[in-house]
Amino acid sequence: MSTRAETGDVHPSLAEVVERDQVWPRMAARYGVANLVPPWKTSLDGLCDALDRAADNGCAAPGVVERRDEEDRLAATTYADLPYPENQLVALAHTLLDRGVIDEGELAERMAAVRARLEA
């Protein structure tokens, strides 16, 4: 059985993210934010570190090399139209969906909750 990462298929919730094209430089300009680093980048880096440590301790999470290889492959192919670090974020979500760490419904709910907070 192949994963979506191997076939290049995009998960529906991630296709929506790509379609919206809400990359940080555009969003920062829209809201007058001068910081060049997206506010979510630190959380993304922390999540990647936690996944790497979990894999080192025997969890089913992908190890650092496997995760980075998959991230690089997805960023260069499936999510090539997104700039860094957005492609890293979406590639990680793709990997977590493929591995069943989170499912489409959970991801859609979390994305809706974040959007609601931002639009409040």
PDB file of N, CA and C in Angstrom:
ATOM      1  N   MET A   1       0.838  -1.186   0.000  1.00  0.00           N
ATOM      2  CA  MET A   1       0.000   0.000   0.000  1.00  0.00           C
ATOM      3  C   MET A   1       0.879   1.243   0.000  1.00  0.00           C
ATOM      4  N   SER A   2       0.627   2.153  -0.908  1.00  0.00           N
ATOM      5  CA  SER A   2       1.437   3.371  -0.974  1.00  0.00           C
ATOM      6  C   SER A   2       0.738   4.507  -0.229  1.00  0.00           C
ATOM      7  N   THR A   3       1.541   5.441   0.246  1.00  0.00           N
ATOM      8  CA  THR A   3       1.001   6.606   0.938  1.00  0.00           C
ATOM      9  C   THR A   3       0.776   7.721  -0.069  1.00  0.00           C
ATOM     10  N   ARG A   4       0.036   8.724   0.341  1.00  0.00           N
ATOM     11  CA  ARG A   4      -0.178   9.880  -0.525  1.00  0.00           C
ATOM     12  C   ARG A   4       1.148  10.589  -0.801  1.00  0.00           C
ATOM     13  N   ALA A   5       2.067  10.525   0.147  1.00  0.00           N
ATOM     14  CA  ALA A   5       3.376  11.148  -0.064  1.00  0.00           C
ATOM     15  C   ALA A   5       4.096  10.484  -1.233  1.00  0.00           C
ATOM     16  N   GLU A   6       3.936   9.170  -1.362  1.00  0.00           N
ATOM     17  CA  GLU A   6       4.602   8.448  -2.434  1.00  0.00           C
ATOM     18  C   GLU A   6       3.924   8.673  -3.779  1.00  0.00           C
ATOM     19  N   THR A   7       2.604   8.824  -3.760  1.00  0.00           N
ATOM     20  CA  THR A   7       1.873   8.973  -5.011  1.00  0.00           C
ATOM     21  C   THR A   7       1.700  10.420  -5.439  1.00  0.00           C
ATOM     22  N   GLY A   8       1.968  11.353  -4.520  1.00  0.00           N
ATOM     23  CA  GLY A   8       1.811  12.768  -4.842  1.00  0.00           C
ATOM     24  C   GLY A   8       0.387  13.272  -4.682  1.00  0.00           C
ATOM     25  N   ASP A   9      -0.500  12.426  -4.144  1.00  0.00           N
ATOM     26  CA  ASP A   9      -1.882  12.836  -3.917  1.00  0.00           C
ATOM     27  C   ASP A   9      -1.947  13.792  -2.726  1.00  0.00           C
ATOM     28  N   VAL A  10      -2.807  14.778  -2.836  1.00  0.00           N
ATOM     29  CA  VAL A  10      -2.962  15.774  -1.779  1.00  0.00           C
ATOM     30  C   VAL A  10      -4.205  15.435  -0.964  1.00  0.00           C
ATOM     31  N   HIS A  11      -4.086  15.496   0.344  1.00  0.00           N
ATOM     32  CA  HIS A  11      -5.241  15.317   1.222  1.00  0.00           C
ATOM     33  C   HIS A  11      -6.191  16.495   0.991  1.00  0.00           C
ATOM     34  N   PRO A  12      -7.506  16.256   1.011  1.00  0.00           N
ATOM     35  CA  PRO A  12      -8.467  17.339   0.743  1.00  0.00           C
ATOM     36  C   PRO A  12      -8.277  18.580   1.619  1.00  0.00           C
ATOM     37  N   SER A  13      -8.048  18.399   2.915  1.00  0.00           N
ATOM     38  CA  SER A  13      -7.879  19.561   3.793  1.00  0.00           C
ATOM     39  C   SER A  13      -6.619  20.342   3.437  1.00  0.00           C
ATOM     40  N   LEU A  14      -5.590  19.667   2.979  1.00  0.00           N
ATOM     41  CA  LEU A  14      -4.356  20.352   2.595  1.00  0.00           C
ATOM     42  C   LEU A  14      -4.499  21.005   1.226  1.00  0.00           C
ATOM     43  N   ALA A  15      -5.294  20.403   0.360  1.00  0.00           N
ATOM     44  CA  ALA A  15      -5.563  21.033  -0.945  1.00  0.00           C
ATOM     45  C   ALA A  15      -6.222  22.389  -0.734  1.00  0.00           C
ATOM     46  N   GLU A  16      -7.098  22.468   0.258  1.00  0.00           N
ATOM     47  CA  GLU A  16      -7.755  23.736   0.581  1.00  0.00           C
ATOM     48  C   GLU A  16      -6.736  24.780   1.049  1.00  0.00           C
ATOM     49  N   VAL A  17      -5.769  24.365   1.843  1.00  0.00           N
ATOM     50  CA  VAL A  17      -4.723  25.275   2.316  1.00  0.00           C
ATOM     51  C   VAL A  17      -3.933  25.819   1.133  1.00  0.00           C
ATOM     52  N   VAL A  18      -3.537  24.936   0.237  1.00  0.00           N
ATOM     53  CA  VAL A  18      -2.762  25.342  -0.936  1.00  0.00           C
ATOM     54  C   VAL A  18      -3.588  26.286  -1.816  1.00  0.00           C
ATOM     55  N   GLU A  19      -4.850  25.953  -2.000  1.00  0.00           N
ATOM     56  CA  GLU A  19      -5.720  26.754  -2.864  1.00  0.00           C
ATOM     57  C   GLU A  19      -5.899  28.178  -2.330  1.00  0.00           C
ATOM     58  N   ARG A  20      -5.963  28.330  -1.034  1.00  0.00           N
ATOM     59  CA  ARG A  20      -6.152  29.663  -0.441  1.00  0.00           C
ATOM     60  C   ARG A  20      -4.941  30.568  -0.656  1.00  0.00           C
ATOM     61  N   ASP A  21      -3.766  29.964  -0.815  1.00  0.00           N
ATOM     62  CA  ASP A  21      -2.542  30.721  -1.100  1.00  0.00           C
ATOM     63  C   ASP A  21      -2.310  31.833  -0.076  1.00  0.00           C
ATOM     64  N   GLN A  22      -2.545  31.513   1.182  1.00  0.00           N
ATOM     65  CA  GLN A  22      -2.358  32.497   2.244  1.00  0.00           C
ATOM     66  C   GLN A  22      -0.966  32.341   2.847  1.00  0.00           C
ATOM     67  N   VAL A  23       0.021  32.673   2.066  1.00  0.00           N
ATOM     68  CA  VAL A  23       1.397  32.548   2.522  1.00  0.00           C
ATOM     69  C   VAL A  23       1.751  33.747   3.395  1.00  0.00           C
ATOM     70  N   TRP A  24       2.737  33.552   4.275  1.00  0.00           N
ATOM     71  CA  TRP A  24       3.041  34.556   5.277  1.00  0.00           C
ATOM     72  C   TRP A  24       3.372  35.934   4.713  1.00  0.00           C
ATOM     73  N   PRO A  25       4.220  36.076   3.717  1.00  0.00           N
ATOM     74  CA  PRO A  25       4.512  37.438   3.229  1.00  0.00           C
ATOM     75  C   PRO A  25       3.253  38.200   2.810  1.00  0.00           C
ATOM     76  N   ARG A  26       2.329  37.500   2.154  1.00  0.00           N
ATOM     77  CA  ARG A  26       1.086  38.142   1.720  1.00  0.00           C
ATOM     78  C   ARG A  26       0.202  38.492   2.920  1.00  0.00           C
ATOM     79  N   MET A  27       0.098  37.566   3.869  1.00  0.00           N
ATOM     80  CA  MET A  27      -0.749  37.806   5.035  1.00  0.00           C
ATOM     81  C   MET A  27      -0.145  38.897   5.930  1.00  0.00           C
ATOM     82  N   ALA A  28       1.168  38.878   6.085  1.00  0.00           N
ATOM     83  CA  ALA A  28       1.828  39.907   6.907  1.00  0.00           C
ATOM     84  C   ALA A  28       1.599  41.284   6.300  1.00  0.00           C
ATOM     85  N   ALA A  29       1.727  41.396   4.996  1.00  0.00           N
ATOM     86  CA  ALA A  29       1.497  42.685   4.333  1.00  0.00           C
ATOM     87  C   ALA A  29       0.048  43.129   4.497  1.00  0.00           C
ATOM     88  N   ARG A  30      -0.852  42.186   4.377  1.00  0.00           N
ATOM     89  CA  ARG A  30      -2.284  42.505   4.499  1.00  0.00           C
ATOM     90  C   ARG A  30      -2.622  43.080   5.868  1.00  0.00           C
ATOM     91  N   TYR A  31      -1.990  42.529   6.906  1.00  0.00           N
ATOM     92  CA  TYR A  31      -2.307  42.956   8.267  1.00  0.00           C
ATOM     93  C   TYR A  31      -1.260  43.898   8.870  1.00  0.00           C
ATOM     94  N   GLY A  32      -0.309  44.334   8.055  1.00  0.00           N
ATOM     95  CA  GLY A  32       0.681  45.296   8.521  1.00  0.00           C
ATOM     96  C   GLY A  32       1.683  44.744   9.511  1.00  0.00           C
ATOM     97  N   VAL A  33       2.023  43.477   9.395  1.00  0.00           N
ATOM     98  CA  VAL A  33       2.983  42.836  10.295  1.00  0.00           C
ATOM     99  C   VAL A  33       4.362  42.898   9.657  1.00  0.00           C
ATOM    100  N   ALA A  34       5.338  43.407  10.404  1.00  0.00           N
ATOM    101  CA  ALA A  34       6.687  43.578   9.861  1.00  0.00           C
ATOM    102  C   ALA A  34       7.576  42.353  10.058  1.00  0.00           C
ATOM    103  N   ASN A  35       7.235  41.470  10.986  1.00  0.00           N
ATOM    104  CA  ASN A  35       8.067  40.304  11.278  1.00  0.00           C
ATOM    105  C   ASN A  35       8.077  39.368  10.070  1.00  0.00           C
ATOM    106  N   LEU A  36       9.260  39.041   9.582  1.00  0.00           N
ATOM    107  CA  LEU A  36       9.389  38.176   8.407  1.00  0.00           C
ATOM    108  C   LEU A  36       9.152  36.706   8.722  1.00  0.00           C
ATOM    109  N   VAL A  37       9.189  36.338  10.013  1.00  0.00           N
ATOM    110  CA  VAL A  37       9.008  34.945  10.415  1.00  0.00           C
ATOM    111  C   VAL A  37       7.546  34.744  10.846  1.00  0.00           C
ATOM    112  N   PRO A  38       6.862  33.769  10.261  1.00  0.00           N
ATOM    113  CA  PRO A  38       5.471  33.524  10.651  1.00  0.00           C
ATOM    114  C   PRO A  38       5.375  33.180  12.139  1.00  0.00           C
ATOM    115  N   PRO A  39       4.323  33.599  12.803  1.00  0.00           N
ATOM    116  CA  PRO A  39       4.202  33.331  14.237  1.00  0.00           C
ATOM    117  C   PRO A  39       4.092  31.845  14.559  1.00  0.00           C
ATOM    118  N   TRP A  40       3.695  31.039  13.612  1.00  0.00           N
ATOM    119  CA  TRP A  40       3.550  29.610  13.838  1.00  0.00           C
ATOM    120  C   TRP A  40       4.836  28.832  13.602  1.00  0.00           C
ATOM    121  N   LYS A  41       5.899  29.478  13.104  1.00  0.00           N
ATOM    122  CA  LYS A  41       7.138  28.769  12.760  1.00  0.00           C
ATOM    123  C   LYS A  41       7.789  28.141  13.987  1.00  0.00           C
ATOM    124  N   THR A  42       7.774  28.826  15.116  1.00  0.00           N
ATOM    125  CA  THR A  42       8.371  28.278  16.336  1.00  0.00           C
ATOM    126  C   THR A  42       7.628  27.018  16.772  1.00  0.00           C
ATOM    127  N   SER A  43       6.299  27.046  16.696  1.00  0.00           N
ATOM    128  CA  SER A  43       5.514  25.858  17.048  1.00  0.00           C
ATOM    129  C   SER A  43       5.811  24.706  16.094  1.00  0.00           C
ATOM    130  N   LEU A  44       5.968  25.015  14.821  1.00  0.00           N
ATOM    131  CA  LEU A  44       6.300  23.992  13.836  1.00  0.00           C
ATOM    132  C   LEU A  44       7.647  23.353  14.163  1.00  0.00           C
ATOM    133  N   ASP A  45       8.637  24.172  14.455  1.00  0.00           N
ATOM    134  CA  ASP A  45       9.961  23.646  14.798  1.00  0.00           C
ATOM    135  C   ASP A  45       9.904  22.791  16.061  1.00  0.00           C
ATOM    136  N   GLY A  46       9.137  23.236  17.047  1.00  0.00           N
ATOM    137  CA  GLY A  46       8.990  22.474  18.285  1.00  0.00           C
ATOM    138  C   GLY A  46       8.302  21.141  18.057  1.00  0.00           C
ATOM    139  N   LEU A  47       7.281  21.139  17.213  1.00  0.00           N
ATOM    140  CA  LEU A  47       6.586  19.897  16.899  1.00  0.00           C
ATOM    141  C   LEU A  47       7.523  18.920  16.201  1.00  0.00           C
ATOM    142  N   CYS A  48       8.315  19.431  15.267  1.00  0.00           N
ATOM    143  CA  CYS A  48       9.280  18.557  14.574  1.00  0.00           C
ATOM    144  C   CYS A  48      10.290  17.978  15.560  1.00  0.00           C
ATOM    145  N   ASP A  49      10.783  18.799  16.479  1.00  0.00           N
ATOM    146  CA  ASP A  49      11.715  18.305  17.504  1.00  0.00           C
ATOM    147  C   ASP A  49      11.064  17.235  18.371  1.00  0.00           C
ATOM    148  N   ALA A  50       9.816  17.467  18.773  1.00  0.00           N
ATOM    149  CA  ALA A  50       9.107  16.491  19.605  1.00  0.00           C
ATOM    150  C   ALA A  50       8.901  15.179  18.848  1.00  0.00           C
ATOM    151  N   LEU A  51       8.535  15.256  17.583  1.00  0.00           N
ATOM    152  CA  LEU A  51       8.375  14.040  16.782  1.00  0.00           C
ATOM    153  C   LEU A  51       9.692  13.289  16.653  1.00  0.00           C
ATOM    154  N   ASP A  52      10.776  14.016  16.464  1.00  0.00           N
ATOM    155  CA  ASP A  52      12.086  13.376  16.350  1.00  0.00           C
ATOM    156  C   ASP A  52      12.441  12.644  17.639  1.00  0.00           C
ATOM    157  N   ARG A  53      12.181  13.273  18.775  1.00  0.00           N
ATOM    158  CA  ARG A  53      12.483  12.636  20.068  1.00  0.00           C
ATOM    159  C   ARG A  53      11.572  11.435  20.312  1.00  0.00           C
ATOM    160  N   ALA A  54      10.300  11.565  19.933  1.00  0.00           N
ATOM    161  CA  ALA A  54       9.366  10.450  20.107  1.00  0.00           C
ATOM    162  C   ALA A  54       9.817   9.246  19.287  1.00  0.00           C
ATOM    163  N   ALA A  55      10.253   9.486  18.074  1.00  0.00           N
ATOM    164  CA  ALA A  55      10.733   8.392  17.224  1.00  0.00           C
ATOM    165  C   ALA A  55      11.974   7.755  17.833  1.00  0.00           C
ATOM    166  N   ASP A  56      12.846   8.577  18.424  1.00  0.00           N
ATOM    167  CA  ASP A  56      14.049   8.055  19.077  1.00  0.00           C
ATOM    168  C   ASP A  56      13.701   7.165  20.270  1.00  0.00           C
ATOM    169  N   ASN A  57      12.522   7.390  20.854  1.00  0.00           N
ATOM    170  CA  ASN A  57      12.105   6.628  22.038  1.00  0.00           C
ATOM    171  C   ASN A  57      11.145   5.488  21.695  1.00  0.00           C
ATOM    172  N   GLY A  58      11.096   5.108  20.418  1.00  0.00           N
ATOM    173  CA  GLY A  58      10.332   3.938  20.028  1.00  0.00           C
ATOM    174  C   GLY A  58       8.901   4.186  19.592  1.00  0.00           C
ATOM    175  N   CYS A  59       8.455   5.429  19.532  1.00  0.00           N
ATOM    176  CA  CYS A  59       7.099   5.714  19.053  1.00  0.00           C
ATOM    177  C   CYS A  59       7.012   5.439  17.548  1.00  0.00           C
ATOM    178  N   ALA A  60       5.794   5.382  17.051  1.00  0.00           N
ATOM    179  CA  ALA A  60       5.582   5.115  15.629  1.00  0.00           C
ATOM    180  C   ALA A  60       5.821   6.340  14.752  1.00  0.00           C
ATOM    181  N   ALA A  61       6.176   7.468  15.368  1.00  0.00           N
ATOM    182  CA  ALA A  61       6.443   8.688  14.598  1.00  0.00           C
ATOM    183  C   ALA A  61       7.636   8.457  13.675  1.00  0.00           C
ATOM    184  N   PRO A  62       7.642   9.121  12.520  1.00  0.00           N
ATOM    185  CA  PRO A  62       8.795   8.960  11.626  1.00  0.00           C
ATOM    186  C   PRO A  62      10.042   9.555  12.262  1.00  0.00           C
ATOM    187  N   GLY A  63      11.179   8.914  12.044  1.00  0.00           N
ATOM    188  CA  GLY A  63      12.437   9.441  12.548  1.00  0.00           C
ATOM    189  C   GLY A  63      12.840  10.691  11.792  1.00  0.00           C
ATOM    190  N   VAL A  64      13.835  11.389  12.309  1.00  0.00           N
ATOM    191  CA  VAL A  64      14.228  12.672  11.734  1.00  0.00           C
ATOM    192  C   VAL A  64      14.618  12.540  10.265  1.00  0.00           C
ATOM    193  N   VAL A  65      15.373  11.519   9.917  1.00  0.00           N
ATOM    194  CA  VAL A  65      15.819  11.362   8.527  1.00  0.00           C
ATOM    195  C   VAL A  65      14.627  11.040   7.627  1.00  0.00           C
ATOM    196  N   GLU A  66      13.787  10.112   8.066  1.00  0.00           N
ATOM    197  CA  GLU A  66      12.611   9.751   7.278  1.00  0.00           C
ATOM    198  C   GLU A  66      11.674  10.947   7.116  1.00  0.00           C
ATOM    199  N   ARG A  67      11.435  11.675   8.212  1.00  0.00           N
ATOM    200  CA  ARG A  67      10.547  12.840   8.160  1.00  0.00           C
ATOM    201  C   ARG A  67      11.102  13.910   7.243  1.00  0.00           C
ATOM    202  N   ARG A  68      12.390  14.211   7.363  1.00  0.00           N
ATOM    203  CA  ARG A  68      12.999  15.241   6.529  1.00  0.00           C
ATOM    204  C   ARG A  68      13.040  14.835   5.062  1.00  0.00           C
ATOM    205  N   ASP A  69      13.326  13.568   4.781  1.00  0.00           N
ATOM    206  CA  ASP A  69      13.328  13.094   3.395  1.00  0.00           C
ATOM    207  C   ASP A  69      11.938  13.241   2.777  1.00  0.00           C
ATOM    208  N   GLU A  70      10.917  12.852   3.553  1.00  0.00           N
ATOM    209  CA  GLU A  70       9.553  12.971   3.052  1.00  0.00           C
ATOM    210  C   GLU A  70       9.173  14.443   2.879  1.00  0.00           C
ATOM    211  N   GLU A  71       9.554  15.265   3.841  1.00  0.00           N
ATOM    212  CA  GLU A  71       9.288  16.708   3.752  1.00  0.00           C
ATOM    213  C   GLU A  71       9.946  17.301   2.510  1.00  0.00           C
ATOM    214  N   ASP A  72      11.188  16.956   2.278  1.00  0.00           N
ATOM    215  CA  ASP A  72      11.900  17.473   1.102  1.00  0.00           C
ATOM    216  C   ASP A  72      11.241  17.017  -0.194  1.00  0.00           C
ATOM    217  N   ARG A  73      10.844  15.753  -0.246  1.00  0.00           N
ATOM    218  CA  ARG A  73      10.199  15.203  -1.443  1.00  0.00           C
ATOM    219  C   ARG A  73       8.860  15.910  -1.704  1.00  0.00           C
ATOM    220  N   LEU A  74       8.054  16.071  -0.661  1.00  0.00           N
ATOM    221  CA  LEU A  74       6.757  16.737  -0.814  1.00  0.00           C
ATOM    222  C   LEU A  74       6.913  18.212  -1.162  1.00  0.00           C
ATOM    223  N   ALA A  75       7.865  18.877  -0.524  1.00  0.00           N
ATOM    224  CA  ALA A  75       8.082  20.303  -0.786  1.00  0.00           C
ATOM    225  C   ALA A  75       8.556  20.543  -2.219  1.00  0.00           C
ATOM    226  N   ALA A  76       9.286  19.587  -2.767  1.00  0.00           N
ATOM    227  CA  ALA A  76       9.806  19.745  -4.129  1.00  0.00           C
ATOM    228  C   ALA A  76       8.815  19.310  -5.207  1.00  0.00           C
ATOM    229  N   THR A  77       7.778  18.586  -4.806  1.00  0.00           N
ATOM    230  CA  THR A  77       6.834  18.061  -5.801  1.00  0.00           C
ATOM    231  C   THR A  77       5.412  18.547  -5.511  1.00  0.00           C
ATOM    232  N   THR A  78       4.752  17.868  -4.619  1.00  0.00           N
ATOM    233  CA  THR A  78       3.338  18.109  -4.330  1.00  0.00           C
ATOM    234  C   THR A  78       3.061  19.541  -3.885  1.00  0.00           C
ATOM    235  N   TYR A  79       3.960  20.109  -3.080  1.00  0.00           N
ATOM    236  CA  TYR A  79       3.748  21.451  -2.536  1.00  0.00           C
ATOM    237  C   TYR A  79       4.783  22.453  -3.045  1.00  0.00           C
ATOM    238  N   ALA A  80       5.258  22.219  -4.258  1.00  0.00           N
ATOM    239  CA  ALA A  80       6.302  23.077  -4.836  1.00  0.00           C
ATOM    240  C   ALA A  80       5.842  24.515  -5.059  1.00  0.00           C
ATOM    241  N   ASP A  81       4.534  24.732  -5.183  1.00  0.00           N
ATOM    242  CA  ASP A  81       4.032  26.089  -5.409  1.00  0.00           C
ATOM    243  C   ASP A  81       3.988  26.931  -4.137  1.00  0.00           C
ATOM    244  N   LEU A  82       4.173  26.302  -2.993  1.00  0.00           N
ATOM    245  CA  LEU A  82       4.202  27.040  -1.730  1.00  0.00           C
ATOM    246  C   LEU A  82       5.634  27.404  -1.371  1.00  0.00           C
ATOM    247  N   PRO A  83       5.848  28.585  -0.820  1.00  0.00           N
ATOM    248  CA  PRO A  83       7.202  28.939  -0.380  1.00  0.00           C
ATOM    249  C   PRO A  83       7.515  28.278   0.961  1.00  0.00           C
ATOM    250  N   TYR A  84       8.780  28.305   1.320  1.00  0.00           N
ATOM    251  CA  TYR A  84       9.202  27.868   2.649  1.00  0.00           C
ATOM    252  C   TYR A  84       8.859  28.990   3.623  1.00  0.00           C
ATOM    253  N   PRO A  85       8.376  28.757   4.779  1.00  0.00           N
ATOM    254  CA  PRO A  85       8.169  27.503   5.490  1.00  0.00           C
ATOM    255  C   PRO A  85       6.772  26.916   5.344  1.00  0.00           C
ATOM    256  N   GLU A  86       5.912  27.536   4.539  1.00  0.00           N
ATOM    257  CA  GLU A  86       4.573  26.987   4.354  1.00  0.00           C
ATOM    258  C   GLU A  86       4.623  25.567   3.800  1.00  0.00           C
ATOM    259  N   ASN A  87       5.552  25.316   2.865  1.00  0.00           N
ATOM    260  CA  ASN A  87       5.632  23.963   2.310  1.00  0.00           C
ATOM    261  C   ASN A  87       6.091  22.959   3.375  1.00  0.00           C
ATOM    262  N   GLN A  88       6.923  23.395   4.314  1.00  0.00           N
ATOM    263  CA  GLN A  88       7.340  22.520   5.414  1.00  0.00           C
ATOM    264  C   GLN A  88       6.143  22.185   6.303  1.00  0.00           C
ATOM    265  N   LEU A  89       5.339  23.177   6.622  1.00  0.00           N
ATOM    266  CA  LEU A  89       4.162  22.985   7.463  1.00  0.00           C
ATOM    267  C   LEU A  89       3.174  22.019   6.813  1.00  0.00           C
ATOM    268  N   VAL A  90       2.872  22.233   5.546  1.00  0.00           N
ATOM    269  CA  VAL A  90       1.900  21.395   4.852  1.00  0.00           C
ATOM    270  C   VAL A  90       2.470  19.987   4.641  1.00  0.00           C
ATOM    271  N   ALA A  91       3.756  19.885   4.363  1.00  0.00           N
ATOM    272  CA  ALA A  91       4.378  18.563   4.200  1.00  0.00           C
ATOM    273  C   ALA A  91       4.315  17.773   5.507  1.00  0.00           C
ATOM    274  N   LEU A  92       4.542  18.430   6.640  1.00  0.00           N
ATOM    275  CA  LEU A  92       4.455  17.735   7.915  1.00  0.00           C
ATOM    276  C   LEU A  92       3.023  17.272   8.168  1.00  0.00           C
ATOM    277  N   ALA A  93       2.052  18.135   7.914  1.00  0.00           N
ATOM    278  CA  ALA A  93       0.648  17.739   8.079  1.00  0.00           C
ATOM    279  C   ALA A  93       0.328  16.547   7.185  1.00  0.00           C
ATOM    280  N   HIS A  94       0.830  16.564   5.964  1.00  0.00           N
ATOM    281  CA  HIS A  94       0.630  15.470   5.013  1.00  0.00           C
ATOM    282  C   HIS A  94       1.179  14.163   5.602  1.00  0.00           C
ATOM    283  N   THR A  95       2.380  14.217   6.128  1.00  0.00           N
ATOM    284  CA  THR A  95       3.015  13.045   6.719  1.00  0.00           C
ATOM    285  C   THR A  95       2.210  12.521   7.910  1.00  0.00           C
ATOM    286  N   LEU A  96       1.748  13.427   8.764  1.00  0.00           N
ATOM    287  CA  LEU A  96       0.988  13.017   9.943  1.00  0.00           C
ATOM    288  C   LEU A  96      -0.357  12.415   9.547  1.00  0.00           C
ATOM    289  N   LEU A  97      -0.978  12.951   8.497  1.00  0.00           N
ATOM    290  CA  LEU A  97      -2.216  12.360   7.979  1.00  0.00           C
ATOM    291  C   LEU A  97      -1.951  10.966   7.409  1.00  0.00           C
ATOM    292  N   ASP A  98      -0.889  10.836   6.630  1.00  0.00           N
ATOM    293  CA  ASP A  98      -0.549   9.534   6.041  1.00  0.00           C
ATOM    294  C   ASP A  98      -0.333   8.469   7.107  1.00  0.00           C
ATOM    295  N   ARG A  99       0.249   8.862   8.230  1.00  0.00           N
ATOM    296  CA  ARG A  99       0.582   7.904   9.279  1.00  0.00           C
ATOM    297  C   ARG A  99      -0.540   7.712  10.300  1.00  0.00           C
ATOM    298  N   GLY A 100      -1.647   8.426  10.115  1.00  0.00           N
ATOM    299  CA  GLY A 100      -2.778   8.265  11.017  1.00  0.00           C
ATOM    300  C   GLY A 100      -2.604   8.942  12.363  1.00  0.00           C
ATOM    301  N   VAL A 101      -1.620   9.837  12.477  1.00  0.00           N
ATOM    302  CA  VAL A 101      -1.420  10.573  13.727  1.00  0.00           C
ATOM    303  C   VAL A 101      -2.589  11.527  13.945  1.00  0.00           C
ATOM    304  N   ILE A 102      -3.092  12.069  12.866  1.00  0.00           N
ATOM    305  CA  ILE A 102      -4.278  12.922  12.874  1.00  0.00           C
ATOM    306  C   ILE A 102      -5.089  12.539  11.644  1.00  0.00           C
ATOM    307  N   ASP A 103      -6.418  12.661  11.735  1.00  0.00           N
ATOM    308  CA  ASP A 103      -7.214  12.327  10.551  1.00  0.00           C
ATOM    309  C   ASP A 103      -7.788  13.595   9.935  1.00  0.00           C
ATOM    310  N   GLU A 104      -8.356  13.441   8.756  1.00  0.00           N
ATOM    311  CA  GLU A 104      -8.877  14.588   7.995  1.00  0.00           C
ATOM    312  C   GLU A 104      -9.873  15.404   8.812  1.00  0.00           C
ATOM    313  N   GLY A 105     -10.764  14.726   9.507  1.00  0.00           N
ATOM    314  CA  GLY A 105     -11.775  15.428  10.301  1.00  0.00           C
ATOM    315  C   GLY A 105     -11.161  16.261  11.409  1.00  0.00           C
ATOM    316  N   GLU A 106     -10.197  15.674  12.121  1.00  0.00           N
ATOM    317  CA  GLU A 106      -9.518  16.407  13.198  1.00  0.00           C
ATOM    318  C   GLU A 106      -8.770  17.614  12.651  1.00  0.00           C
ATOM    319  N   LEU A 107      -8.091  17.419  11.539  1.00  0.00           N
ATOM    320  CA  LEU A 107      -7.348  18.533  10.956  1.00  0.00           C
ATOM    321  C   LEU A 107      -8.302  19.640  10.513  1.00  0.00           C
ATOM    322  N   ALA A 108      -9.396  19.264   9.872  1.00  0.00           N
ATOM    323  CA  ALA A 108     -10.370  20.260   9.426  1.00  0.00           C
ATOM    324  C   ALA A 108     -10.951  21.031  10.618  1.00  0.00           C
ATOM    325  N   GLU A 109     -11.244  20.335  11.702  1.00  0.00           N
ATOM    326  CA  GLU A 109     -11.760  20.994  12.906  1.00  0.00           C
ATOM    327  C   GLU A 109     -10.747  21.969  13.489  1.00  0.00           C
ATOM    328  N   ARG A 110      -9.508  21.553  13.564  1.00  0.00           N
ATOM    329  CA  ARG A 110      -8.462  22.424  14.122  1.00  0.00           C
ATOM    330  C   ARG A 110      -8.230  23.641  13.239  1.00  0.00           C
ATOM    331  N   MET A 111      -8.251  23.429  11.930  1.00  0.00           N
ATOM    332  CA  MET A 111      -8.080  24.557  11.014  1.00  0.00           C
ATOM    333  C   MET A 111      -9.245  25.533  11.135  1.00  0.00           C
ATOM    334  N   ALA A 112     -10.459  25.014  11.293  1.00  0.00           N
ATOM    335  CA  ALA A 112     -11.638  25.873  11.456  1.00  0.00           C
ATOM    336  C   ALA A 112     -11.556  26.662  12.760  1.00  0.00           C
ATOM    337  N   ALA A 113     -11.068  26.027  13.818  1.00  0.00           N
ATOM    338  CA  ALA A 113     -10.938  26.717  15.104  1.00  0.00           C
ATOM    339  C   ALA A 113      -9.913  27.846  15.023  1.00  0.00           C
ATOM    340  N   VAL A 114      -8.802  27.593  14.359  1.00  0.00           N
ATOM    341  CA  VAL A 114      -7.780  28.634  14.195  1.00  0.00           C
ATOM    342  C   VAL A 114      -8.333  29.782  13.356  1.00  0.00           C
ATOM    343  N   ARG A 115      -9.009  29.447  12.260  1.00  0.00           N
ATOM    344  CA  ARG A 115      -9.599  30.488  11.398  1.00  0.00           C
ATOM    345  C   ARG A 115     -10.601  31.319  12.177  1.00  0.00           C
ATOM    346  N   ALA A 116     -11.427  30.678  12.990  1.00  0.00           N
ATOM    347  CA  ALA A 116     -12.427  31.419  13.783  1.00  0.00           C
ATOM    348  C   ALA A 116     -11.757  32.387  14.753  1.00  0.00           C
ATOM    349  N   ARG A 117     -10.666  31.951  15.382  1.00  0.00           N
ATOM    350  CA  ARG A 117      -9.926  32.843  16.296  1.00  0.00           C
ATOM    351  C   ARG A 117      -9.339  34.016  15.540  1.00  0.00           C
ATOM    352  N   LEU A 118      -8.808  33.771  14.358  1.00  0.00           N
ATOM    353  CA  LEU A 118      -8.192  34.831  13.582  1.00  0.00           C
ATOM    354  C   LEU A 118      -9.220  35.841  13.068  1.00  0.00           C
ATOM    355  N   GLU A 119     -10.400  35.360  12.768  1.00  0.00           N
ATOM    356  CA  GLU A 119     -11.419  36.226  12.189  1.00  0.00           C
ATOM    357  C   GLU A 119     -12.325  36.867  13.238  1.00  0.00           C
ATOM    358  N   ALA A 120     -12.113  36.526  14.505  1.00  0.00           N
ATOM    359  CA  ALA A 120     -12.951  37.080  15.583  1.00  0.00           C
ATOM    360  C   ALA A 120     -12.635  38.557  15.838  1.00  0.00           C
TER     361      ALA A 120
END
